[in-house]
Amino acid sequence: MVVAVALAGCGAGVAASSTGRAPAPGASPYDLYTHCGIREANVDNRWYVADTPLSDGSGNPPAGWGNPDQAGTITFLSPTRFEFSDSVGHHVTFSVRPGATGPLHICS
């Protein structure tokens, strides 16, 4: 089971382990950090970027998303890609950022 805090472009990521490896395929509970929009995520010290970033145009999550986070699940589609989904019907895919050591963007 993966337990991690995600980051969507704001601050520093916190992960449950320091393995640096993608978890095995399967759905795991996950809180996606959405405060600065849906842009990137950190899972087990690996940074991922949303295939299609989402925001309200002002750096916030779109209407219908929680703020500062959205509870849901992640399902790894491959060792380098996962999908976030939730009970509201949101689906966002993320791809690994090779060699990344921090977020792409830090917001306030």
PDB file of N, CA and C in Angstrom:
ATOM      1  N   MET A   1       0.846  -1.174   0.000  1.00  0.00           N
ATOM      2  CA  MET A   1       0.000   0.000   0.000  1.00  0.00           C
ATOM      3  C   MET A   1       0.889   1.233   0.000  1.00  0.00           C
ATOM      4  N   VAL A   2       0.554   2.220  -0.798  1.00  0.00           N
ATOM      5  CA  VAL A   2       1.286   3.470  -0.874  1.00  0.00           C
ATOM      6  C   VAL A   2       0.566   4.486  -0.013  1.00  0.00           C
ATOM      7  N   VAL A   3       1.322   5.125   0.867  1.00  0.00           N
ATOM      8  CA  VAL A   3       0.761   6.220   1.638  1.00  0.00           C
ATOM      9  C   VAL A   3       1.704   7.382   1.439  1.00  0.00           C
ATOM     10  N   ALA A   4       1.207   8.447   0.827  1.00  0.00           N
ATOM     11  CA  ALA A   4       2.073   9.583   0.530  1.00  0.00           C
ATOM     12  C   ALA A   4       1.254  10.849   0.460  1.00  0.00           C
ATOM     13  N   VAL A   5       1.936  11.938   0.623  1.00  0.00           N
ATOM     14  CA  VAL A   5       1.319  13.239   0.422  1.00  0.00           C
ATOM     15  C   VAL A   5       1.812  13.737  -0.913  1.00  0.00           C
ATOM     16  N   ALA A   6       0.931  14.194  -1.748  1.00  0.00           N
ATOM     17  CA  ALA A   6       1.297  14.660  -3.084  1.00  0.00           C
ATOM     18  C   ALA A   6       1.433  16.157  -3.098  1.00  0.00           C
ATOM     19  N   LEU A   7       2.096  16.617  -4.116  1.00  0.00           N
ATOM     20  CA  LEU A   7       2.276  18.036  -4.277  1.00  0.00           C
ATOM     21  C   LEU A   7       1.940  18.419  -5.698  1.00  0.00           C
ATOM     22  N   ALA A   8       1.073  19.385  -5.842  1.00  0.00           N
ATOM     23  CA  ALA A   8       0.674  19.824  -7.181  1.00  0.00           C
ATOM     24  C   ALA A   8       1.226  21.209  -7.452  1.00  0.00           C
ATOM     25  N   GLY A   9       2.532  21.361  -7.324  1.00  0.00           N
ATOM     26  CA  GLY A   9       3.175  22.617  -7.690  1.00  0.00           C
ATOM     27  C   GLY A   9       3.297  23.617  -6.576  1.00  0.00           C
ATOM     28  N   CYS A  10       3.353  23.195  -5.331  1.00  0.00           N
ATOM     29  CA  CYS A  10       3.384  24.151  -4.237  1.00  0.00           C
ATOM     30  C   CYS A  10       4.174  23.593  -3.082  1.00  0.00           C
ATOM     31  N   GLY A  11       5.265  24.232  -2.689  1.00  0.00           N
ATOM     32  CA  GLY A  11       6.008  23.808  -1.514  1.00  0.00           C
ATOM     33  C   GLY A  11       6.897  22.615  -1.801  1.00  0.00           C
ATOM     34  N   ALA A  12       7.112  21.798  -0.773  1.00  0.00           N
ATOM     35  CA  ALA A  12       7.977  20.636  -0.897  1.00  0.00           C
ATOM     36  C   ALA A  12       7.185  19.368  -0.659  1.00  0.00           C
ATOM     37  N   GLY A  13       7.526  18.295  -1.357  1.00  0.00           N
ATOM     38  CA  GLY A  13       6.790  17.045  -1.240  1.00  0.00           C
ATOM     39  C   GLY A  13       7.222  16.251  -0.030  1.00  0.00           C
ATOM     40  N   VAL A  14       6.314  15.473   0.489  1.00  0.00           N
ATOM     41  CA  VAL A  14       6.586  14.570   1.588  1.00  0.00           C
ATOM     42  C   VAL A  14       6.131  13.201   1.138  1.00  0.00           C
ATOM     43  N   ALA A  15       6.961  12.209   1.297  1.00  0.00           N
ATOM     44  CA  ALA A  15       6.579  10.871   0.891  1.00  0.00           C
ATOM     45  C   ALA A  15       6.731   9.912   2.063  1.00  0.00           C
ATOM     46  N   ALA A  16       6.002   8.816   2.022  1.00  0.00           N
ATOM     47  CA  ALA A  16       5.986   7.865   3.115  1.00  0.00           C
ATOM     48  C   ALA A  16       7.265   7.051   3.198  1.00  0.00           C
ATOM     49  N   SER A  17       7.960   6.853   2.099  1.00  0.00           N
ATOM     50  CA  SER A  17       9.188   6.082   2.123  1.00  0.00           C
ATOM     51  C   SER A  17      10.227   6.764   1.256  1.00  0.00           C
ATOM     52  N   SER A  18      11.439   6.292   1.376  1.00  0.00           N
ATOM     53  CA  SER A  18      12.506   6.882   0.575  1.00  0.00           C
ATOM     54  C   SER A  18      13.038   5.872  -0.427  1.00  0.00           C
ATOM     55  N   THR A  19      12.196   4.948  -0.851  1.00  0.00           N
ATOM     56  CA  THR A  19      12.650   3.916  -1.778  1.00  0.00           C
ATOM     57  C   THR A  19      13.008   4.476  -3.134  1.00  0.00           C
ATOM     58  N   GLY A  20      12.325   5.560  -3.569  1.00  0.00           N
ATOM     59  CA  GLY A  20      12.597   6.121  -4.880  1.00  0.00           C
ATOM     60  C   GLY A  20      12.071   5.255  -6.010  1.00  0.00           C
ATOM     61  N   ARG A  21      11.313   4.195  -5.687  1.00  0.00           N
ATOM     62  CA  ARG A  21      10.770   3.297  -6.703  1.00  0.00           C
ATOM     63  C   ARG A  21       9.265   3.494  -6.798  1.00  0.00           C
ATOM     64  N   ALA A  22       8.736   3.289  -7.982  1.00  0.00           N
ATOM     65  CA  ALA A  22       7.285   3.323  -8.160  1.00  0.00           C
ATOM     66  C   ALA A  22       6.697   2.082  -7.500  1.00  0.00           C
ATOM     67  N   PRO A  23       5.540   2.218  -6.855  1.00  0.00           N
ATOM     68  CA  PRO A  23       4.914   1.053  -6.242  1.00  0.00           C
ATOM     69  C   PRO A  23       4.394   0.082  -7.297  1.00  0.00           C
ATOM     70  N   ALA A  24       4.098  -1.129  -6.851  1.00  0.00           N
ATOM     71  CA  ALA A  24       3.552  -2.139  -7.746  1.00  0.00           C
ATOM     72  C   ALA A  24       2.180  -1.702  -8.236  1.00  0.00           C
ATOM     73  N   PRO A  25       1.770  -2.201  -9.403  1.00  0.00           N
ATOM     74  CA  PRO A  25       0.440  -1.868  -9.911  1.00  0.00           C
ATOM     75  C   PRO A  25      -0.655  -2.239  -8.913  1.00  0.00           C
ATOM     76  N   GLY A  26      -1.730  -1.475  -8.928  1.00  0.00           N
ATOM     77  CA  GLY A  26      -2.854  -1.681  -8.024  1.00  0.00           C
ATOM     78  C   GLY A  26      -3.270  -0.354  -7.437  1.00  0.00           C
ATOM     79  N   ALA A  27      -4.516  -0.245  -7.025  1.00  0.00           N
ATOM     80  CA  ALA A  27      -5.040   1.004  -6.473  1.00  0.00           C
ATOM     81  C   ALA A  27      -4.631   1.160  -5.017  1.00  0.00           C
ATOM     82  N   SER A  28      -4.218   2.370  -4.660  1.00  0.00           N
ATOM     83  CA  SER A  28      -3.841   2.711  -3.292  1.00  0.00           C
ATOM     84  C   SER A  28      -4.470   4.046  -2.920  1.00  0.00           C
ATOM     85  N   PRO A  29      -4.914   4.211  -1.670  1.00  0.00           N
ATOM     86  CA  PRO A  29      -5.452   5.512  -1.242  1.00  0.00           C
ATOM     87  C   PRO A  29      -4.398   6.593  -1.418  1.00  0.00           C
ATOM     88  N   TYR A  30      -4.834   7.782  -1.788  1.00  0.00           N
ATOM     89  CA  TYR A  30      -3.890   8.865  -2.057  1.00  0.00           C
ATOM     90  C   TYR A  30      -4.590  10.210  -1.911  1.00  0.00           C
ATOM     91  N   ASP A  31      -3.962  11.137  -1.233  1.00  0.00           N
ATOM     92  CA  ASP A  31      -4.447  12.515  -1.137  1.00  0.00           C
ATOM     93  C   ASP A  31      -3.620  13.369  -2.087  1.00  0.00           C
ATOM     94  N   LEU A  32      -4.223  13.831  -3.158  1.00  0.00           N
ATOM     95  CA  LEU A  32      -3.547  14.655  -4.159  1.00  0.00           C
ATOM     96  C   LEU A  32      -3.582  16.106  -3.713  1.00  0.00           C
ATOM     97  N   TYR A  33      -2.422  16.718  -3.587  1.00  0.00           N
ATOM     98  CA  TYR A  33      -2.334  18.126  -3.205  1.00  0.00           C
ATOM     99  C   TYR A  33      -2.780  18.975  -4.395  1.00  0.00           C
ATOM    100  N   THR A  34      -3.821  19.774  -4.195  1.00  0.00           N
ATOM    101  CA  THR A  34      -4.438  20.519  -5.289  1.00  0.00           C
ATOM    102  C   THR A  34      -4.377  22.029  -5.119  1.00  0.00           C
ATOM    103  N   HIS A  35      -3.835  22.511  -4.029  1.00  0.00           N
ATOM    104  CA  HIS A  35      -3.903  23.934  -3.685  1.00  0.00           C
ATOM    105  C   HIS A  35      -3.479  24.861  -4.822  1.00  0.00           C
ATOM    106  N   CYS A  36      -2.487  24.485  -5.573  1.00  0.00           N
ATOM    107  CA  CYS A  36      -1.969  25.336  -6.652  1.00  0.00           C
ATOM    108  C   CYS A  36      -2.391  24.836  -8.030  1.00  0.00           C
ATOM    109  N   GLY A  37      -3.435  24.020  -8.071  1.00  0.00           N
ATOM    110  CA  GLY A  37      -3.873  23.399  -9.310  1.00  0.00           C
ATOM    111  C   GLY A  37      -3.357  21.973  -9.373  1.00  0.00           C
ATOM    112  N   ILE A  38      -3.808  21.240 -10.347  1.00  0.00           N
ATOM    113  CA  ILE A  38      -3.385  19.855 -10.509  1.00  0.00           C
ATOM    114  C   ILE A  38      -2.296  19.858 -11.561  1.00  0.00           C
ATOM    115  N   ARG A  39      -1.056  19.816 -11.096  1.00  0.00           N
ATOM    116  CA  ARG A  39       0.080  19.997 -11.980  1.00  0.00           C
ATOM    117  C   ARG A  39       1.139  18.909 -11.818  1.00  0.00           C
ATOM    118  N   GLU A  40       1.437  18.549 -10.577  1.00  0.00           N
ATOM    119  CA  GLU A  40       2.457  17.547 -10.330  1.00  0.00           C
ATOM    120  C   GLU A  40       2.177  16.830  -9.018  1.00  0.00           C
ATOM    121  N   ALA A  41       2.880  15.720  -8.813  1.00  0.00           N
ATOM    122  CA  ALA A  41       2.682  14.914  -7.612  1.00  0.00           C
ATOM    123  C   ALA A  41       3.991  14.247  -7.232  1.00  0.00           C
ATOM    124  N   ASN A  42       4.113  13.932  -5.957  1.00  0.00           N
ATOM    125  CA  ASN A  42       5.287  13.234  -5.442  1.00  0.00           C
ATOM    126  C   ASN A  42       4.810  11.936  -4.804  1.00  0.00           C
ATOM    127  N   VAL A  43       5.312  10.807  -5.306  1.00  0.00           N
ATOM    128  CA  VAL A  43       4.985   9.499  -4.759  1.00  0.00           C
ATOM    129  C   VAL A  43       6.291   8.792  -4.447  1.00  0.00           C
ATOM    130  N   ASP A  44       6.498   8.455  -3.182  1.00  0.00           N
ATOM    131  CA  ASP A  44       7.717   7.760  -2.758  1.00  0.00           C
ATOM    132  C   ASP A  44       8.989   8.420  -3.295  1.00  0.00           C
ATOM    133  N   ASN A  45       9.044   9.719  -3.164  1.00  0.00           N
ATOM    134  CA  ASN A  45      10.209  10.516  -3.574  1.00  0.00           C
ATOM    135  C   ASN A  45      10.481  10.514  -5.076  1.00  0.00           C
ATOM    136  N   ARG A  46       9.465  10.241  -5.872  1.00  0.00           N
ATOM    137  CA  ARG A  46       9.557  10.387  -7.335  1.00  0.00           C
ATOM    138  C   ARG A  46       8.566  11.461  -7.737  1.00  0.00           C
ATOM    139  N   TRP A  47       9.008  12.384  -8.585  1.00  0.00           N
ATOM    140  CA  TRP A  47       8.155  13.470  -9.060  1.00  0.00           C
ATOM    141  C   TRP A  47       7.489  13.096 -10.375  1.00  0.00           C
ATOM    142  N   TYR A  48       6.206  13.393 -10.455  1.00  0.00           N
ATOM    143  CA  TYR A  48       5.385  13.129 -11.633  1.00  0.00           C
ATOM    144  C   TYR A  48       4.704  14.425 -12.047  1.00  0.00           C
ATOM    145  N   VAL A  49       4.467  14.571 -13.340  1.00  0.00           N
ATOM    146  CA  VAL A  49       3.779  15.741 -13.866  1.00  0.00           C
ATOM    147  C   VAL A  49       2.476  15.282 -14.520  1.00  0.00           C
ATOM    148  N   ALA A  50       1.419  16.071 -14.338  1.00  0.00           N
ATOM    149  CA  ALA A  50       0.122  15.742 -14.935  1.00  0.00           C
ATOM    150  C   ALA A  50       0.240  15.788 -16.455  1.00  0.00           C
ATOM    151  N   ASP A  51      -0.289  14.771 -17.121  1.00  0.00           N
ATOM    152  CA  ASP A  51      -0.286  14.761 -18.585  1.00  0.00           C
ATOM    153  C   ASP A  51      -1.085  15.948 -19.118  1.00  0.00           C
ATOM    154  N   THR A  52      -2.153  16.311 -18.427  1.00  0.00           N
ATOM    155  CA  THR A  52      -2.952  17.489 -18.761  1.00  0.00           C
ATOM    156  C   THR A  52      -3.182  18.274 -17.468  1.00  0.00           C
ATOM    157  N   PRO A  53      -2.325  19.263 -17.179  1.00  0.00           N
ATOM    158  CA  PRO A  53      -2.505  20.048 -15.947  1.00  0.00           C
ATOM    159  C   PRO A  53      -3.867  20.735 -15.919  1.00  0.00           C
ATOM    160  N   LEU A  54      -4.407  20.880 -14.716  1.00  0.00           N
ATOM    161  CA  LEU A  54      -5.715  21.499 -14.535  1.00  0.00           C
ATOM    162  C   LEU A  54      -5.639  22.625 -13.521  1.00  0.00           C
ATOM    163  N   SER A  55      -6.314  23.744 -13.806  1.00  0.00           N
ATOM    164  CA  SER A  55      -6.426  24.843 -12.847  1.00  0.00           C
ATOM    165  C   SER A  55      -7.631  25.688 -13.218  1.00  0.00           C
ATOM    166  N   ASP A  56      -7.913  26.659 -12.366  1.00  0.00           N
ATOM    167  CA  ASP A  56      -9.014  27.582 -12.665  1.00  0.00           C
ATOM    168  C   ASP A  56      -8.539  28.779 -13.469  1.00  0.00           C
ATOM    169  N   GLY A  57      -7.282  28.770 -13.895  1.00  0.00           N
ATOM    170  CA  GLY A  57      -6.706  29.881 -14.639  1.00  0.00           C
ATOM    171  C   GLY A  57      -5.999  30.883 -13.755  1.00  0.00           C
ATOM    172  N   SER A  58      -6.168  30.737 -12.440  1.00  0.00           N
ATOM    173  CA  SER A  58      -5.513  31.634 -11.482  1.00  0.00           C
ATOM    174  C   SER A  58      -4.621  30.860 -10.521  1.00  0.00           C
ATOM    175  N   GLY A  59      -4.238  29.639 -10.893  1.00  0.00           N
ATOM    176  CA  GLY A  59      -3.339  28.853 -10.058  1.00  0.00           C
ATOM    177  C   GLY A  59      -4.023  28.098  -8.935  1.00  0.00           C
ATOM    178  N   ASN A  60      -5.323  27.930  -9.012  1.00  0.00           N
ATOM    179  CA  ASN A  60      -6.078  27.169  -8.024  1.00  0.00           C
ATOM    180  C   ASN A  60      -6.639  25.921  -8.684  1.00  0.00           C
ATOM    181  N   PRO A  61      -7.149  24.979  -7.881  1.00  0.00           N
ATOM    182  CA  PRO A  61      -7.786  23.828  -8.521  1.00  0.00           C
ATOM    183  C   PRO A  61      -9.059  24.251  -9.237  1.00  0.00           C
ATOM    184  N   PRO A  62      -9.451  23.516 -10.264  1.00  0.00           N
ATOM    185  CA  PRO A  62     -10.694  23.835 -10.967  1.00  0.00           C
ATOM    186  C   PRO A  62     -11.906  23.649 -10.054  1.00  0.00           C
ATOM    187  N   ALA A  63     -13.022  24.218 -10.437  1.00  0.00           N
ATOM    188  CA  ALA A  63     -14.268  24.042  -9.699  1.00  0.00           C
ATOM    189  C   ALA A  63     -14.558  22.547  -9.559  1.00  0.00           C
ATOM    190  N   GLY A  64     -15.023  22.148  -8.397  1.00  0.00           N
ATOM    191  CA  GLY A  64     -15.360  20.756  -8.143  1.00  0.00           C
ATOM    192  C   GLY A  64     -14.245  19.958  -7.502  1.00  0.00           C
ATOM    193  N   TRP A  65     -13.049  20.540  -7.420  1.00  0.00           N
ATOM    194  CA  TRP A  65     -11.917  19.884  -6.758  1.00  0.00           C
ATOM    195  C   TRP A  65     -11.773  20.440  -5.350  1.00  0.00           C
ATOM    196  N   GLY A  66     -11.315  19.601  -4.418  1.00  0.00           N
ATOM    197  CA  GLY A  66     -11.026  20.047  -3.063  1.00  0.00           C
ATOM    198  C   GLY A  66      -9.808  20.957  -3.044  1.00  0.00           C
ATOM    199  N   ASN A  67      -9.707  21.744  -2.001  1.00  0.00           N
ATOM    200  CA  ASN A  67      -8.556  22.633  -1.817  1.00  0.00           C
ATOM    201  C   ASN A  67      -8.293  22.702  -0.315  1.00  0.00           C
ATOM    202  N   PRO A  68      -7.194  22.219   0.165  1.00  0.00           N
ATOM    203  CA  PRO A  68      -5.893  22.055  -0.489  1.00  0.00           C
ATOM    204  C   PRO A  68      -5.614  20.661  -1.046  1.00  0.00           C
ATOM    205  N   ASP A  69      -6.513  19.693  -0.839  1.00  0.00           N
ATOM    206  CA  ASP A  69      -6.244  18.384  -1.410  1.00  0.00           C
ATOM    207  C   ASP A  69      -7.541  17.694  -1.805  1.00  0.00           C
ATOM    208  N   GLN A  70      -7.376  16.578  -2.509  1.00  0.00           N
ATOM    209  CA  GLN A  70      -8.513  15.782  -2.963  1.00  0.00           C
ATOM    210  C   GLN A  70      -8.194  14.325  -2.639  1.00  0.00           C
ATOM    211  N   ALA A  71      -9.036  13.694  -1.842  1.00  0.00           N
ATOM    212  CA  ALA A  71      -8.848  12.286  -1.506  1.00  0.00           C
ATOM    213  C   ALA A  71      -9.281  11.423  -2.681  1.00  0.00           C
ATOM    214  N   GLY A  72      -8.528  10.372  -2.934  1.00  0.00           N
ATOM    215  CA  GLY A  72      -8.855   9.448  -4.008  1.00  0.00           C
ATOM    216  C   GLY A  72      -7.928   8.258  -3.959  1.00  0.00           C
ATOM    217  N   THR A  73      -7.666   7.699  -5.122  1.00  0.00           N
ATOM    218  CA  THR A  73      -6.744   6.568  -5.234  1.00  0.00           C
ATOM    219  C   THR A  73      -5.807   6.792  -6.410  1.00  0.00           C
ATOM    220  N   ILE A  74      -4.654   6.150  -6.339  1.00  0.00           N
ATOM    221  CA  ILE A  74      -3.754   6.128  -7.485  1.00  0.00           C
ATOM    222  C   ILE A  74      -3.603   4.679  -7.924  1.00  0.00           C
ATOM    223  N   THR A  75      -3.532   4.512  -9.225  1.00  0.00           N
ATOM    224  CA  THR A  75      -3.326   3.205  -9.826  1.00  0.00           C
ATOM    225  C   THR A  75      -2.193   3.343 -10.822  1.00  0.00           C
ATOM    226  N   PHE A  76      -1.116   2.602 -10.599  1.00  0.00           N
ATOM    227  CA  PHE A  76       0.008   2.668 -11.529  1.00  0.00           C
ATOM    228  C   PHE A  76      -0.331   1.905 -12.794  1.00  0.00           C
ATOM    229  N   LEU A  77      -0.170   2.587 -13.922  1.00  0.00           N
ATOM    230  CA  LEU A  77      -0.432   2.023 -15.240  1.00  0.00           C
ATOM    231  C   LEU A  77       0.827   1.376 -15.802  1.00  0.00           C
ATOM    232  N   SER A  78       1.981   1.830 -15.333  1.00  0.00           N
ATOM    233  CA  SER A  78       3.292   1.319 -15.718  1.00  0.00           C
ATOM    234  C   SER A  78       4.250   1.782 -14.621  1.00  0.00           C
ATOM    235  N   PRO A  79       5.521   1.411 -14.678  1.00  0.00           N
ATOM    236  CA  PRO A  79       6.463   1.898 -13.671  1.00  0.00           C
ATOM    237  C   PRO A  79       6.653   3.418 -13.691  1.00  0.00           C
ATOM    238  N   THR A  80       6.232   4.084 -14.768  1.00  0.00           N
ATOM    239  CA  THR A  80       6.462   5.529 -14.881  1.00  0.00           C
ATOM    240  C   THR A  80       5.189   6.354 -15.014  1.00  0.00           C
ATOM    241  N   ARG A  81       4.011   5.722 -14.947  1.00  0.00           N
ATOM    242  CA  ARG A  81       2.742   6.453 -15.112  1.00  0.00           C
ATOM    243  C   ARG A  81       1.710   5.947 -14.111  1.00  0.00           C
ATOM    244  N   PHE A  82       0.907   6.882 -13.591  1.00  0.00           N
ATOM    245  CA  PHE A  82      -0.207   6.482 -12.753  1.00  0.00           C
ATOM    246  C   PHE A  82      -1.413   7.351 -13.037  1.00  0.00           C
ATOM    247  N   GLU A  83      -2.567   6.864 -12.616  1.00  0.00           N
ATOM    248  CA  GLU A  83      -3.803   7.618 -12.739  1.00  0.00           C
ATOM    249  C   GLU A  83      -4.339   7.896 -11.341  1.00  0.00           C
ATOM    250  N   PHE A  84      -4.705   9.153 -11.110  1.00  0.00           N
ATOM    251  CA  PHE A  84      -5.417   9.531  -9.894  1.00  0.00           C
ATOM    252  C   PHE A  84      -6.900   9.542 -10.240  1.00  0.00           C
ATOM    253  N   SER A  85      -7.732   8.976  -9.374  1.00  0.00           N
ATOM    254  CA  SER A  85      -9.178   9.049  -9.553  1.00  0.00           C
ATOM    255  C   SER A  85      -9.825   9.182  -8.185  1.00  0.00           C
ATOM    256  N   ASP A  86     -11.058   9.683  -8.178  1.00  0.00           N
ATOM    257  CA  ASP A  86     -11.769   9.858  -6.920  1.00  0.00           C
ATOM    258  C   ASP A  86     -13.242   9.519  -7.085  1.00  0.00           C
ATOM    259  N   SER A  87     -13.971   9.574  -5.989  1.00  0.00           N
ATOM    260  CA  SER A  87     -15.384   9.202  -6.002  1.00  0.00           C
ATOM    261  C   SER A  87     -16.264  10.219  -6.725  1.00  0.00           C
ATOM    262  N   VAL A  88     -15.727  11.422  -6.998  1.00  0.00           N
ATOM    263  CA  VAL A  88     -16.485  12.461  -7.704  1.00  0.00           C
ATOM    264  C   VAL A  88     -16.438  12.236  -9.216  1.00  0.00           C
ATOM    265  N   GLY A  89     -15.478  11.451  -9.675  1.00  0.00           N
ATOM    266  CA  GLY A  89     -15.345  11.184 -11.107  1.00  0.00           C
ATOM    267  C   GLY A  89     -14.140  11.822 -11.762  1.00  0.00           C
ATOM    268  N   HIS A  90     -13.252  12.452 -10.982  1.00  0.00           N
ATOM    269  CA  HIS A  90     -12.038  13.030 -11.553  1.00  0.00           C
ATOM    270  C   HIS A  90     -11.059  11.915 -11.929  1.00  0.00           C
ATOM    271  N   HIS A  91     -10.387  12.105 -13.064  1.00  0.00           N
ATOM    272  CA  HIS A  91      -9.336  11.190 -13.525  1.00  0.00           C
ATOM    273  C   HIS A  91      -8.229  12.042 -14.124  1.00  0.00           C
ATOM    274  N   VAL A  92      -7.020  11.881 -13.607  1.00  0.00           N
ATOM    275  CA  VAL A  92      -5.858  12.602 -14.129  1.00  0.00           C
ATOM    276  C   VAL A  92      -4.703  11.618 -14.195  1.00  0.00           C
ATOM    277  N   THR A  93      -4.002  11.568 -15.334  1.00  0.00           N
ATOM    278  CA  THR A  93      -2.830  10.709 -15.444  1.00  0.00           C
ATOM    279  C   THR A  93      -1.576  11.552 -15.247  1.00  0.00           C
ATOM    280  N   PHE A  94      -0.578  10.932 -14.653  1.00  0.00           N
ATOM    281  CA  PHE A  94       0.700  11.564 -14.354  1.00  0.00           C
ATOM    282  C   PHE A  94       1.822  10.694 -14.903  1.00  0.00           C
ATOM    283  N   SER A  95       2.884  11.341 -15.390  1.00  0.00           N
ATOM    284  CA  SER A  95       4.072  10.656 -15.900  1.00  0.00           C
ATOM    285  C   SER A  95       5.284  11.114 -15.107  1.00  0.00           C
ATOM    286  N   VAL A  96       6.210  10.192 -14.885  1.00  0.00           N
ATOM    287  CA  VAL A  96       7.401  10.494 -14.096  1.00  0.00           C
ATOM    288  C   VAL A  96       8.237  11.580 -14.770  1.00  0.00           C
ATOM    289  N   ARG A  97       8.880  12.402 -13.951  1.00  0.00           N
ATOM    290  CA  ARG A  97       9.855  13.392 -14.427  1.00  0.00           C
ATOM    291  C   ARG A  97      11.237  12.829 -14.107  1.00  0.00           C
ATOM    292  N   PRO A  98      11.900  12.181 -15.048  1.00  0.00           N
ATOM    293  CA  PRO A  98      13.195  11.551 -14.776  1.00  0.00           C
ATOM    294  C   PRO A  98      14.201  12.539 -14.192  1.00  0.00           C
ATOM    295  N   GLY A  99      14.850  12.110 -13.119  1.00  0.00           N
ATOM    296  CA  GLY A  99      15.891  12.916 -12.495  1.00  0.00           C
ATOM    297  C   GLY A  99      15.410  14.080 -11.655  1.00  0.00           C
ATOM    298  N   ALA A 100      14.114  14.295 -11.564  1.00  0.00           N
ATOM    299  CA  ALA A 100      13.585  15.431 -10.805  1.00  0.00           C
ATOM    300  C   ALA A 100      13.852  15.256  -9.310  1.00  0.00           C
ATOM    301  N   THR A 101      14.239  16.344  -8.668  1.00  0.00           N
ATOM    302  CA  THR A 101      14.496  16.314  -7.224  1.00  0.00           C
ATOM    303  C   THR A 101      13.603  17.283  -6.458  1.00  0.00           C
ATOM    304  N   GLY A 102      12.724  17.960  -7.162  1.00  0.00           N
ATOM    305  CA  GLY A 102      11.819  18.917  -6.522  1.00  0.00           C
ATOM    306  C   GLY A 102      10.707  19.311  -7.475  1.00  0.00           C
ATOM    307  N   PRO A 103       9.804  20.163  -6.985  1.00  0.00           N
ATOM    308  CA  PRO A 103       8.677  20.570  -7.817  1.00  0.00           C
ATOM    309  C   PRO A 103       9.103  21.463  -8.976  1.00  0.00           C
ATOM    310  N   LEU A 104       8.284  21.493 -10.016  1.00  0.00           N
ATOM    311  CA  LEU A 104       8.513  22.377 -11.153  1.00  0.00           C
ATOM    312  C   LEU A 104       8.244  23.831 -10.768  1.00  0.00           C
ATOM    313  N   HIS A 105       7.276  24.018  -9.884  1.00  0.00           N
ATOM    314  CA  HIS A 105       6.783  25.352  -9.567  1.00  0.00           C
ATOM    315  C   HIS A 105       6.452  25.405  -8.093  1.00  0.00           C
ATOM    316  N   ILE A 106       6.835  26.470  -7.428  1.00  0.00           N
ATOM    317  CA  ILE A 106       6.467  26.692  -6.038  1.00  0.00           C
ATOM    318  C   ILE A 106       5.552  27.907  -5.990  1.00  0.00           C
ATOM    319  N   CYS A 107       4.372  27.721  -5.416  1.00  0.00           N
ATOM    320  CA  CYS A 107       3.438  28.818  -5.314  1.00  0.00           C
ATOM    321  C   CYS A 107       3.198  29.156  -3.847  1.00  0.00           C
ATOM    322  N   SER A 108       2.495  30.245  -3.613  1.00  0.00           N
ATOM    323  CA  SER A 108       2.241  30.642  -2.221  1.00  0.00           C
ATOM    324  C   SER A 108       0.809  30.383  -1.830  1.00  0.00           C
TER     325      SER A 108
END
